[in-house]
Each structure stands twice: as structure tokens, then as C-alpha cells.
Amino acid sequence: MPEIIAVSKTFSLSDILPVINHGQIHFGENKVQEAMDKWKSLKNDFQHIKLHMLGKLQTNKVKYVIQLFDYLHSLDNIKLAEKISIEQKKKNKKLKIFIQVNIGNEEQKNGIEISQIENFYEKCINDLELNIVGLMCLPPNNEKSSLYFSKMNELKKKLNLSELSMGMSKDYIEAIKNNSTFLRIGSKIFGKRN
């Protein structure tokens, strides 16, 4: 069974606490500052919680992410990979990292292109000693997610990785069928965002 990440971005502690008390372990945030404001004390109180950074990460925020988060789902360029490598050595803590794949080859989306993924992965693990656990994608909005999820599953096998971060509130069933191991669910847990 895949793990469910409760995507708690924009939701307050009063929304999050009942979900923690219900036994949820994995939570996802998109913005570093918001996550720090909310989770710094919460993670002291609930040390079993695993926090996932889902959003685009700027290199100047890497040090904060390594302190607070357990997983990063959005590694999408070599400069960021190099910065993470440096900061992890300083903090003596390794994140579990997903490489973001631009699975639909969309200009407006971040991520590593499929043709570059093997080289990028090799560099991350061999040169930068990153703990790459899997791949993440955001499929194109108006197309069938299942086509892209099955491509991701093939890529995962090719690289011999164990994790796949794919599937959200609208397409998680398709993601499960294609062996996703982490589902990023927000509105189905917390309700609609303002």
C-alpha cells in the first residue's frame, strides 16, 4: 500500500492537529517559510512525523529544508543538487530525495528531462552522495495521467529505485495502479483551499 502524504500547505495548526491525532505520519508543504512557522514546534512535540518538501526549492533555502524536513520531492537541477550535498555534510543529515521528472516534456514545468535522467541520477549518487530514493512527477493537466504514470514506473525500474511520488486528489487511483509509493493528497483530507 502506498503512503499518503497529507498536503497541509495553507492549512493551520487547528486543521493539522486532528489529522496527526488520527494517526497520520506523512505531511507535505510547498513553502519553506510557511513550513518553518508551522512545523518547528510541532515536530518537537510529534517526533514520529515525517515532513515532505513538495514545492520548488531555491538554493538559498536549502539549509532550512535540511534542518526541518525528512524528504524532498522536487530535486530538479544540478545546482540545487550540489547545494544540498554541501549543506548535508555541514548538518550531518541526509534527506530522502526524489528527482522531479518533467514527464510531459512541458516548457513551463520544472524537472529533469527523460533523456537526461540517467546521467543526472548517476551524478547525484556518485559525485554528490545524495540519497536518491525515487522519482516524482506532475503529469500534464489536461491529459490522461495514467500514460505518464506508467512511463514513470518504467523509469523507476530502469534506475532500480524503490519509490515513486505521484498521484494527487484527482488521479490517485491511476497512480496506485502504476505502483506509486507516495500519494500527495490535500483537498480529499483537508477540504478545499481558500
N, C-alpha and C. Protein backbone atom coordinates (compact mmCIF):
# COMPACT_ATOMS: atom_id res chain seq x y z
N MET A 1 0.83 -1.21 0.00
CA MET A 1 0.00 0.00 0.00
C MET A 1 0.87 1.26 0.00
N PRO A 2 0.51 2.24 -0.82
CA PRO A 2 1.30 3.47 -0.81
C PRO A 2 1.08 4.28 0.47
N GLU A 3 2.07 5.08 0.81
CA GLU A 3 1.95 6.02 1.92
C GLU A 3 1.15 7.23 1.42
N ILE A 4 0.36 7.81 2.32
CA ILE A 4 -0.36 9.03 1.97
C ILE A 4 0.33 10.21 2.62
N ILE A 5 0.70 11.20 1.80
CA ILE A 5 1.22 12.46 2.32
C ILE A 5 0.03 13.42 2.40
N ALA A 6 -0.28 13.87 3.60
CA ALA A 6 -1.36 14.85 3.77
C ALA A 6 -0.77 16.23 3.45
N VAL A 7 -1.19 16.80 2.33
CA VAL A 7 -0.62 18.07 1.87
C VAL A 7 -1.28 19.20 2.65
N SER A 8 -0.52 19.73 3.61
CA SER A 8 -1.08 20.67 4.59
C SER A 8 -0.77 22.13 4.29
N LYS A 9 -0.22 22.41 3.09
CA LYS A 9 0.08 23.80 2.73
C LYS A 9 -1.19 24.66 2.83
N THR A 10 -1.02 25.85 3.34
CA THR A 10 -2.08 26.86 3.57
C THR A 10 -3.06 26.50 4.71
N PHE A 11 -2.96 25.29 5.26
CA PHE A 11 -3.84 24.94 6.37
C PHE A 11 -3.16 25.22 7.71
N SER A 12 -3.98 25.57 8.71
CA SER A 12 -3.45 26.00 10.00
C SER A 12 -3.25 24.80 10.93
N LEU A 13 -2.60 25.07 12.06
CA LEU A 13 -2.38 24.03 13.05
C LEU A 13 -3.68 23.41 13.53
N SER A 14 -4.73 24.23 13.62
CA SER A 14 -6.03 23.70 14.08
C SER A 14 -6.62 22.70 13.07
N ASP A 15 -6.23 22.84 11.81
CA ASP A 15 -6.64 21.85 10.80
C ASP A 15 -5.75 20.60 10.85
N ILE A 16 -4.47 20.82 11.16
CA ILE A 16 -3.48 19.74 11.07
C ILE A 16 -3.51 18.82 12.29
N LEU A 17 -3.70 19.39 13.47
CA LEU A 17 -3.62 18.59 14.70
C LEU A 17 -4.59 17.40 14.74
N PRO A 18 -5.85 17.59 14.34
CA PRO A 18 -6.75 16.42 14.35
C PRO A 18 -6.27 15.29 13.43
N VAL A 19 -5.63 15.67 12.34
CA VAL A 19 -5.13 14.66 11.38
C VAL A 19 -3.94 13.91 12.00
N ILE A 20 -3.07 14.64 12.71
CA ILE A 20 -1.97 14.00 13.44
C ILE A 20 -2.54 13.05 14.50
N ASN A 21 -3.51 13.55 15.25
CA ASN A 21 -4.08 12.74 16.33
C ASN A 21 -4.84 11.52 15.81
N HIS A 22 -5.20 11.57 14.55
CA HIS A 22 -5.87 10.42 13.91
C HIS A 22 -4.86 9.37 13.45
N GLY A 23 -3.56 9.69 13.57
CA GLY A 23 -2.53 8.71 13.24
C GLY A 23 -1.75 8.96 11.96
N GLN A 24 -2.02 10.09 11.29
CA GLN A 24 -1.30 10.40 10.06
C GLN A 24 0.16 10.75 10.38
N ILE A 25 1.10 10.22 9.60
CA ILE A 25 2.53 10.42 9.85
C ILE A 25 3.17 11.35 8.83
N HIS A 26 2.81 11.22 7.56
CA HIS A 26 3.47 11.98 6.48
C HIS A 26 2.67 13.23 6.14
N PHE A 27 3.36 14.39 6.16
CA PHE A 27 2.74 15.66 5.80
C PHE A 27 3.60 16.38 4.77
N GLY A 28 2.95 17.14 3.86
CA GLY A 28 3.66 17.83 2.79
C GLY A 28 3.42 19.32 2.82
N GLU A 29 4.49 20.07 2.58
CA GLU A 29 4.40 21.53 2.49
C GLU A 29 5.08 21.99 1.21
N ASN A 30 4.67 23.17 0.72
CA ASN A 30 5.22 23.69 -0.53
C ASN A 30 6.15 24.89 -0.34
N LYS A 31 5.98 25.59 0.78
CA LYS A 31 6.77 26.81 1.00
C LYS A 31 7.57 26.67 2.28
N VAL A 32 8.86 27.00 2.19
CA VAL A 32 9.78 26.78 3.31
C VAL A 32 9.39 27.63 4.52
N GLN A 33 9.14 28.92 4.30
CA GLN A 33 8.84 29.80 5.42
C GLN A 33 7.56 29.38 6.15
N GLU A 34 6.54 29.08 5.40
CA GLU A 34 5.28 28.64 5.99
C GLU A 34 5.49 27.35 6.81
N ALA A 35 6.28 26.45 6.25
CA ALA A 35 6.54 25.17 6.93
C ALA A 35 7.30 25.40 8.24
N MET A 36 8.26 26.32 8.22
CA MET A 36 9.03 26.59 9.44
C MET A 36 8.14 27.17 10.52
N ASP A 37 7.27 28.10 10.13
CA ASP A 37 6.36 28.72 11.10
C ASP A 37 5.46 27.67 11.75
N LYS A 38 5.00 26.71 10.95
CA LYS A 38 4.02 25.74 11.44
C LYS A 38 4.66 24.55 12.14
N TRP A 39 5.75 24.03 11.57
CA TRP A 39 6.20 22.69 11.94
C TRP A 39 7.36 22.64 12.92
N LYS A 40 8.06 23.76 13.15
CA LYS A 40 9.23 23.70 14.03
C LYS A 40 8.87 23.13 15.40
N SER A 41 7.84 23.71 16.04
CA SER A 41 7.47 23.20 17.36
C SER A 41 6.68 21.90 17.26
N LEU A 42 5.86 21.79 16.21
CA LEU A 42 5.06 20.56 16.04
C LEU A 42 5.95 19.32 15.94
N LYS A 43 7.07 19.46 15.23
CA LYS A 43 7.95 18.30 15.06
C LYS A 43 8.68 17.94 16.36
N ASN A 44 8.84 18.92 17.24
CA ASN A 44 9.38 18.60 18.58
C ASN A 44 8.35 17.82 19.39
N ASP A 45 7.09 18.23 19.27
CA ASP A 45 6.02 17.58 20.03
C ASP A 45 5.68 16.19 19.47
N PHE A 46 5.80 16.05 18.15
CA PHE A 46 5.46 14.77 17.49
C PHE A 46 6.67 14.31 16.67
N GLN A 47 7.59 13.65 17.33
CA GLN A 47 8.88 13.35 16.69
C GLN A 47 8.79 12.25 15.64
N HIS A 48 7.66 11.55 15.59
CA HIS A 48 7.49 10.48 14.60
C HIS A 48 7.03 11.04 13.24
N ILE A 49 6.63 12.31 13.21
CA ILE A 49 6.13 12.92 11.97
C ILE A 49 7.24 13.00 10.92
N LYS A 50 6.87 12.69 9.68
CA LYS A 50 7.80 12.83 8.54
C LYS A 50 7.29 13.98 7.67
N LEU A 51 8.16 14.96 7.45
CA LEU A 51 7.77 16.14 6.69
C LEU A 51 8.39 16.11 5.29
N HIS A 52 7.54 16.38 4.30
CA HIS A 52 7.95 16.29 2.89
C HIS A 52 7.91 17.69 2.26
N MET A 53 9.02 18.11 1.68
CA MET A 53 9.06 19.36 0.91
C MET A 53 8.64 19.02 -0.52
N LEU A 54 7.49 19.58 -0.93
CA LEU A 54 6.92 19.25 -2.24
C LEU A 54 7.16 20.33 -3.28
N GLY A 55 7.31 21.56 -2.84
CA GLY A 55 7.38 22.67 -3.79
C GLY A 55 8.76 22.91 -4.35
N LYS A 56 8.82 23.84 -5.30
CA LYS A 56 10.09 24.27 -5.90
C LYS A 56 10.99 24.79 -4.79
N LEU A 57 12.24 24.37 -4.80
CA LEU A 57 13.19 24.78 -3.75
C LEU A 57 14.29 25.66 -4.33
N GLN A 58 14.42 26.85 -3.75
CA GLN A 58 15.52 27.75 -4.13
C GLN A 58 16.78 27.35 -3.35
N THR A 59 17.93 27.54 -3.95
CA THR A 59 19.18 27.11 -3.29
C THR A 59 19.40 27.84 -1.97
N ASN A 60 18.95 29.10 -1.85
CA ASN A 60 19.18 29.85 -0.61
C ASN A 60 18.33 29.34 0.57
N LYS A 61 17.39 28.43 0.29
CA LYS A 61 16.55 27.89 1.38
C LYS A 61 16.94 26.47 1.77
N VAL A 62 17.96 25.93 1.11
CA VAL A 62 18.32 24.51 1.31
C VAL A 62 18.65 24.22 2.77
N LYS A 63 19.40 25.11 3.42
CA LYS A 63 19.84 24.81 4.80
C LYS A 63 18.65 24.65 5.75
N TYR A 64 17.59 25.43 5.51
CA TYR A 64 16.40 25.33 6.37
C TYR A 64 15.65 24.03 6.11
N VAL A 65 15.62 23.63 4.85
CA VAL A 65 14.91 22.41 4.48
C VAL A 65 15.59 21.19 5.10
N ILE A 66 16.91 21.17 5.08
CA ILE A 66 17.63 20.03 5.66
C ILE A 66 17.39 19.93 7.16
N GLN A 67 17.30 21.07 7.83
CA GLN A 67 17.04 21.07 9.28
C GLN A 67 15.67 20.48 9.60
N LEU A 68 14.65 20.90 8.85
CA LEU A 68 13.26 20.64 9.23
C LEU A 68 12.63 19.42 8.57
N PHE A 69 12.97 19.19 7.30
CA PHE A 69 12.27 18.18 6.50
C PHE A 69 12.99 16.84 6.53
N ASP A 70 12.25 15.80 6.16
CA ASP A 70 12.80 14.44 6.06
C ASP A 70 12.94 14.02 4.60
N TYR A 71 12.04 14.53 3.76
CA TYR A 71 12.02 14.18 2.33
C TYR A 71 11.97 15.45 1.48
N LEU A 72 12.58 15.37 0.31
CA LEU A 72 12.46 16.42 -0.71
C LEU A 72 11.97 15.76 -2.00
N HIS A 73 10.87 16.28 -2.55
CA HIS A 73 10.27 15.66 -3.75
C HIS A 73 10.60 16.42 -5.03
N SER A 74 11.34 17.52 -4.94
CA SER A 74 11.45 18.42 -6.09
C SER A 74 12.89 18.75 -6.49
N LEU A 75 13.77 17.75 -6.46
CA LEU A 75 15.13 18.00 -6.97
C LEU A 75 15.06 18.06 -8.49
N ASP A 76 15.34 19.27 -9.05
CA ASP A 76 15.09 19.46 -10.48
C ASP A 76 16.24 20.10 -11.25
N ASN A 77 17.40 20.27 -10.61
CA ASN A 77 18.56 20.80 -11.35
C ASN A 77 19.85 20.51 -10.60
N ILE A 78 20.95 20.59 -11.33
CA ILE A 78 22.24 20.19 -10.76
C ILE A 78 22.75 21.19 -9.73
N LYS A 79 22.45 22.47 -9.92
CA LYS A 79 22.89 23.48 -8.95
C LYS A 79 22.27 23.21 -7.57
N LEU A 80 21.01 22.85 -7.58
CA LEU A 80 20.32 22.53 -6.34
C LEU A 80 20.92 21.26 -5.71
N ALA A 81 21.20 20.27 -6.54
CA ALA A 81 21.80 19.02 -6.04
C ALA A 81 23.14 19.30 -5.37
N GLU A 82 23.95 20.16 -5.98
CA GLU A 82 25.27 20.49 -5.42
C GLU A 82 25.13 21.21 -4.08
N LYS A 83 24.17 22.13 -4.00
CA LYS A 83 23.94 22.87 -2.76
C LYS A 83 23.46 21.94 -1.64
N ILE A 84 22.58 21.03 -1.96
CA ILE A 84 22.10 20.06 -0.97
C ILE A 84 23.27 19.22 -0.45
N SER A 85 24.13 18.78 -1.36
CA SER A 85 25.28 17.97 -0.99
C SER A 85 26.17 18.69 0.02
N ILE A 86 26.43 19.97 -0.24
CA ILE A 86 27.28 20.78 0.65
C ILE A 86 26.62 20.95 2.02
N GLU A 87 25.35 21.33 2.01
CA GLU A 87 24.65 21.62 3.27
C GLU A 87 24.43 20.35 4.11
N GLN A 88 24.21 19.22 3.45
CA GLN A 88 24.01 17.98 4.19
C GLN A 88 25.27 17.59 4.95
N LYS A 89 26.42 17.82 4.33
CA LYS A 89 27.69 17.50 5.01
C LYS A 89 27.86 18.39 6.24
N LYS A 90 27.51 19.67 6.09
CA LYS A 90 27.60 20.61 7.23
C LYS A 90 26.70 20.17 8.38
N LYS A 91 25.49 19.76 8.04
CA LYS A 91 24.49 19.46 9.07
C LYS A 91 24.53 17.99 9.50
N ASN A 92 25.31 17.20 8.78
CA ASN A 92 25.41 15.76 9.06
C ASN A 92 24.02 15.10 9.10
N LYS A 93 23.20 15.45 8.11
CA LYS A 93 21.86 14.87 7.99
C LYS A 93 21.54 14.70 6.52
N LYS A 94 21.03 13.54 6.16
CA LYS A 94 20.68 13.29 4.76
C LYS A 94 19.17 13.23 4.58
N LEU A 95 18.70 13.99 3.60
CA LEU A 95 17.29 13.91 3.22
C LEU A 95 17.08 12.69 2.32
N LYS A 96 15.86 12.18 2.33
CA LYS A 96 15.46 11.21 1.30
C LYS A 96 14.92 12.03 0.14
N ILE A 97 15.49 11.82 -1.04
CA ILE A 97 15.25 12.74 -2.16
C ILE A 97 14.62 12.04 -3.36
N PHE A 98 13.63 12.73 -3.93
CA PHE A 98 13.02 12.32 -5.19
C PHE A 98 13.51 13.27 -6.28
N ILE A 99 13.90 12.73 -7.42
CA ILE A 99 14.20 13.57 -8.58
C ILE A 99 12.89 13.89 -9.28
N GLN A 100 12.65 15.18 -9.51
CA GLN A 100 11.45 15.58 -10.25
C GLN A 100 11.69 15.40 -11.74
N VAL A 101 10.84 14.60 -12.36
CA VAL A 101 10.94 14.30 -13.79
C VAL A 101 9.93 15.15 -14.55
N ASN A 102 10.38 15.83 -15.59
CA ASN A 102 9.45 16.56 -16.45
C ASN A 102 8.87 15.55 -17.46
N ILE A 103 7.92 14.77 -16.96
CA ILE A 103 7.46 13.58 -17.68
C ILE A 103 6.70 13.93 -18.95
N GLY A 104 6.07 15.11 -18.99
CA GLY A 104 5.33 15.51 -20.18
C GLY A 104 6.13 16.41 -21.09
N ASN A 105 7.42 16.60 -20.74
CA ASN A 105 8.31 17.46 -21.55
C ASN A 105 7.69 18.85 -21.76
N GLU A 106 7.17 19.43 -20.68
CA GLU A 106 6.48 20.72 -20.77
C GLU A 106 7.43 21.86 -20.44
N GLU A 107 7.43 22.88 -21.29
CA GLU A 107 8.35 24.00 -21.09
C GLU A 107 8.13 24.72 -19.78
N GLN A 108 6.87 24.84 -19.38
CA GLN A 108 6.56 25.65 -18.19
C GLN A 108 6.80 24.89 -16.88
N LYS A 109 7.10 23.60 -16.98
CA LYS A 109 7.27 22.81 -15.74
C LYS A 109 8.74 22.54 -15.46
N ASN A 110 9.04 22.46 -14.16
CA ASN A 110 10.39 22.09 -13.73
C ASN A 110 10.56 20.58 -13.83
N GLY A 111 11.81 20.17 -13.71
CA GLY A 111 12.09 18.73 -13.71
C GLY A 111 13.15 18.38 -14.72
N ILE A 112 13.72 17.21 -14.52
CA ILE A 112 14.75 16.70 -15.42
C ILE A 112 14.07 16.01 -16.59
N GLU A 113 14.58 16.28 -17.79
CA GLU A 113 14.01 15.62 -18.97
C GLU A 113 14.36 14.13 -18.95
N ILE A 114 13.47 13.33 -19.53
CA ILE A 114 13.67 11.88 -19.52
C ILE A 114 15.02 11.49 -20.11
N SER A 115 15.43 12.16 -21.17
CA SER A 115 16.71 11.82 -21.82
C SER A 115 17.92 12.10 -20.93
N GLN A 116 17.75 12.97 -19.94
CA GLN A 116 18.87 13.36 -19.06
C GLN A 116 18.86 12.62 -17.72
N ILE A 117 17.81 11.86 -17.47
CA ILE A 117 17.58 11.36 -16.11
C ILE A 117 18.68 10.42 -15.62
N GLU A 118 19.16 9.52 -16.50
CA GLU A 118 20.19 8.56 -16.05
C GLU A 118 21.47 9.27 -15.66
N ASN A 119 21.93 10.20 -16.49
CA ASN A 119 23.16 10.94 -16.18
C ASN A 119 23.01 11.74 -14.90
N PHE A 120 21.86 12.39 -14.76
CA PHE A 120 21.61 13.22 -13.57
C PHE A 120 21.62 12.35 -12.31
N TYR A 121 20.94 11.22 -12.38
CA TYR A 121 20.88 10.29 -11.24
C TYR A 121 22.28 9.80 -10.85
N GLU A 122 23.05 9.39 -11.85
CA GLU A 122 24.42 8.89 -11.58
C GLU A 122 25.26 9.96 -10.89
N LYS A 123 25.17 11.19 -11.39
CA LYS A 123 25.95 12.28 -10.80
C LYS A 123 25.52 12.53 -9.35
N CYS A 124 24.23 12.50 -9.11
CA CYS A 124 23.70 12.74 -7.76
C CYS A 124 24.19 11.71 -6.75
N ILE A 125 24.18 10.44 -7.17
CA ILE A 125 24.57 9.42 -6.18
C ILE A 125 26.09 9.23 -6.11
N ASN A 126 26.77 9.31 -7.24
CA ASN A 126 28.21 9.03 -7.23
C ASN A 126 29.04 10.24 -6.83
N ASP A 127 28.79 11.38 -7.46
CA ASP A 127 29.62 12.57 -7.20
C ASP A 127 29.16 13.33 -5.96
N LEU A 128 27.85 13.41 -5.77
CA LEU A 128 27.33 14.29 -4.71
C LEU A 128 26.84 13.51 -3.48
N GLU A 129 26.85 12.19 -3.57
CA GLU A 129 26.48 11.31 -2.45
C GLU A 129 25.10 11.64 -1.87
N LEU A 130 24.16 11.91 -2.76
CA LEU A 130 22.79 12.17 -2.31
C LEU A 130 22.03 10.85 -2.15
N ASN A 131 21.07 10.86 -1.23
CA ASN A 131 20.25 9.68 -1.01
C ASN A 131 18.99 9.78 -1.88
N ILE A 132 19.14 9.39 -3.14
CA ILE A 132 18.01 9.43 -4.08
C ILE A 132 17.19 8.16 -3.88
N VAL A 133 15.95 8.35 -3.42
CA VAL A 133 15.10 7.18 -3.14
C VAL A 133 14.10 6.90 -4.25
N GLY A 134 13.81 7.95 -5.07
CA GLY A 134 12.79 7.73 -6.09
C GLY A 134 12.61 8.89 -7.03
N LEU A 135 11.52 8.83 -7.78
CA LEU A 135 11.19 9.83 -8.80
C LEU A 135 9.82 10.44 -8.50
N MET A 136 9.65 11.69 -8.88
CA MET A 136 8.37 12.40 -8.70
C MET A 136 7.96 13.04 -10.01
N CYS A 137 6.66 13.13 -10.26
CA CYS A 137 6.20 13.85 -11.45
C CYS A 137 4.88 14.57 -11.21
N LEU A 138 4.65 15.57 -12.05
CA LEU A 138 3.36 16.26 -12.16
C LEU A 138 2.95 16.10 -13.62
N PRO A 139 2.03 15.18 -13.90
CA PRO A 139 1.67 14.96 -15.31
C PRO A 139 0.96 16.17 -15.90
N PRO A 140 0.94 16.31 -17.24
CA PRO A 140 0.24 17.42 -17.87
C PRO A 140 -1.22 17.49 -17.42
N ASN A 141 -1.70 18.70 -17.23
CA ASN A 141 -3.03 18.91 -16.63
C ASN A 141 -4.19 18.28 -17.38
N ASN A 142 -4.24 18.47 -18.69
CA ASN A 142 -5.46 18.08 -19.41
C ASN A 142 -5.34 16.77 -20.16
N GLU A 143 -4.41 15.95 -19.71
CA GLU A 143 -4.24 14.66 -20.39
C GLU A 143 -4.41 13.52 -19.39
N LYS A 144 -4.47 12.30 -19.90
CA LYS A 144 -4.65 11.13 -19.04
C LYS A 144 -3.38 10.90 -18.22
N SER A 145 -3.51 11.02 -16.91
CA SER A 145 -2.35 10.81 -16.03
C SER A 145 -1.75 9.42 -16.19
N SER A 146 -2.61 8.43 -16.45
CA SER A 146 -2.14 7.03 -16.44
C SER A 146 -1.01 6.78 -17.44
N LEU A 147 -1.05 7.45 -18.59
CA LEU A 147 0.02 7.29 -19.59
C LEU A 147 1.37 7.71 -19.02
N TYR A 148 1.36 8.80 -18.28
CA TYR A 148 2.60 9.35 -17.71
C TYR A 148 3.03 8.56 -16.49
N PHE A 149 2.06 8.08 -15.72
CA PHE A 149 2.40 7.28 -14.54
C PHE A 149 3.07 5.97 -14.96
N SER A 150 2.60 5.37 -16.05
CA SER A 150 3.23 4.11 -16.48
C SER A 150 4.65 4.35 -16.99
N LYS A 151 4.87 5.50 -17.64
CA LYS A 151 6.25 5.87 -18.05
C LYS A 151 7.15 6.02 -16.84
N MET A 152 6.61 6.64 -15.78
CA MET A 152 7.38 6.83 -14.54
C MET A 152 7.74 5.49 -13.91
N ASN A 153 6.79 4.57 -13.95
CA ASN A 153 7.02 3.24 -13.39
C ASN A 153 8.17 2.54 -14.13
N GLU A 154 8.19 2.69 -15.46
CA GLU A 154 9.28 2.11 -16.27
C GLU A 154 10.63 2.74 -15.90
N LEU A 155 10.64 4.06 -15.77
CA LEU A 155 11.87 4.77 -15.40
C LEU A 155 12.39 4.32 -14.04
N LYS A 156 11.47 4.17 -13.11
CA LYS A 156 11.84 3.73 -11.75
C LYS A 156 12.53 2.37 -11.81
N LYS A 157 11.96 1.46 -12.62
CA LYS A 157 12.55 0.12 -12.74
C LYS A 157 13.93 0.19 -13.39
N LYS A 158 14.03 1.02 -14.42
CA LYS A 158 15.29 1.17 -15.16
C LYS A 158 16.42 1.63 -14.24
N LEU A 159 16.09 2.55 -13.34
CA LEU A 159 17.10 3.09 -12.41
C LEU A 159 17.21 2.27 -11.12
N ASN A 160 16.34 1.25 -11.02
CA ASN A 160 16.33 0.39 -9.85
C ASN A 160 16.08 1.17 -8.54
N LEU A 161 15.12 2.07 -8.60
CA LEU A 161 14.74 2.85 -7.43
C LEU A 161 13.52 2.23 -6.76
N SER A 162 13.32 2.55 -5.49
CA SER A 162 12.22 1.89 -4.77
C SER A 162 10.95 2.74 -4.67
N GLU A 163 11.06 4.08 -4.82
CA GLU A 163 9.90 4.92 -4.54
C GLU A 163 9.42 5.71 -5.77
N LEU A 164 8.12 5.97 -5.79
CA LEU A 164 7.51 6.82 -6.81
C LEU A 164 6.54 7.78 -6.12
N SER A 165 6.76 9.08 -6.28
CA SER A 165 5.86 10.08 -5.73
C SER A 165 4.98 10.61 -6.86
N MET A 166 3.76 10.09 -6.92
CA MET A 166 2.84 10.55 -7.97
C MET A 166 1.42 10.21 -7.57
N GLY A 167 0.52 11.05 -8.04
CA GLY A 167 -0.89 10.89 -7.71
C GLY A 167 -1.32 11.91 -6.67
N MET A 168 -2.39 12.65 -7.01
CA MET A 168 -2.94 13.65 -6.12
C MET A 168 -4.44 13.35 -5.95
N SER A 169 -5.16 14.29 -5.34
CA SER A 169 -6.57 14.01 -5.04
C SER A 169 -7.37 13.58 -6.27
N LYS A 170 -7.04 14.13 -7.44
CA LYS A 170 -7.86 13.83 -8.62
C LYS A 170 -7.45 12.57 -9.37
N ASP A 171 -6.21 12.10 -9.19
CA ASP A 171 -5.75 10.96 -10.01
C ASP A 171 -5.01 9.88 -9.22
N TYR A 172 -5.27 9.83 -7.91
CA TYR A 172 -4.51 8.88 -7.08
C TYR A 172 -4.82 7.41 -7.40
N ILE A 173 -6.03 7.14 -7.88
CA ILE A 173 -6.38 5.74 -8.23
C ILE A 173 -5.47 5.25 -9.36
N GLU A 174 -5.30 6.10 -10.39
CA GLU A 174 -4.41 5.75 -11.52
C GLU A 174 -2.98 5.57 -11.03
N ALA A 175 -2.57 6.42 -10.10
CA ALA A 175 -1.21 6.34 -9.57
C ALA A 175 -0.97 5.02 -8.83
N ILE A 176 -1.97 4.61 -8.06
CA ILE A 176 -1.86 3.33 -7.33
C ILE A 176 -1.71 2.17 -8.31
N LYS A 177 -2.49 2.22 -9.39
CA LYS A 177 -2.42 1.15 -10.41
C LYS A 177 -1.03 1.07 -11.04
N ASN A 178 -0.31 2.19 -11.02
CA ASN A 178 1.03 2.22 -11.63
C ASN A 178 2.14 2.24 -10.57
N ASN A 179 1.83 1.63 -9.42
CA ASN A 179 2.83 1.37 -8.37
C ASN A 179 3.40 2.60 -7.67
N SER A 180 2.63 3.68 -7.59
CA SER A 180 3.07 4.81 -6.79
C SER A 180 3.25 4.37 -5.34
N THR A 181 4.28 4.87 -4.68
CA THR A 181 4.51 4.53 -3.27
C THR A 181 4.18 5.70 -2.34
N PHE A 182 4.08 6.92 -2.89
CA PHE A 182 3.67 8.09 -2.11
C PHE A 182 2.62 8.87 -2.88
N LEU A 183 1.45 9.04 -2.28
CA LEU A 183 0.37 9.84 -2.88
C LEU A 183 0.33 11.18 -2.16
N ARG A 184 0.19 12.28 -2.91
CA ARG A 184 0.17 13.62 -2.33
C ARG A 184 -1.27 14.12 -2.30
N ILE A 185 -1.95 13.93 -1.17
CA ILE A 185 -3.38 14.20 -1.08
C ILE A 185 -3.64 15.41 -0.19
N GLY A 186 -4.29 16.42 -0.76
CA GLY A 186 -4.61 17.62 0.01
C GLY A 186 -6.09 17.79 0.26
N SER A 187 -6.83 18.18 -0.79
CA SER A 187 -8.24 18.52 -0.61
C SER A 187 -9.11 17.36 -0.14
N LYS A 188 -8.75 16.13 -0.49
CA LYS A 188 -9.53 14.97 -0.04
C LYS A 188 -9.38 14.74 1.47
N ILE A 189 -8.34 15.35 2.07
CA ILE A 189 -8.14 15.21 3.51
C ILE A 189 -8.61 16.47 4.24
N PHE A 190 -8.14 17.64 3.76
CA PHE A 190 -8.38 18.90 4.48
C PHE A 190 -9.57 19.69 3.94
N GLY A 191 -10.11 19.30 2.80
CA GLY A 191 -11.15 20.09 2.17
C GLY A 191 -10.55 21.12 1.21
N LYS A 192 -11.41 21.92 0.63
CA LYS A 192 -10.96 22.92 -0.38
C LYS A 192 -10.10 24.00 0.27
N ARG A 193 -9.08 24.42 -0.50
CA ARG A 193 -8.27 25.56 -0.05
C ARG A 193 -8.97 26.86 -0.36
N ASN A 194 -8.72 27.90 0.45
CA ASN A 194 -9.30 29.23 0.16
C ASN A 194 -8.64 29.83 -1.06
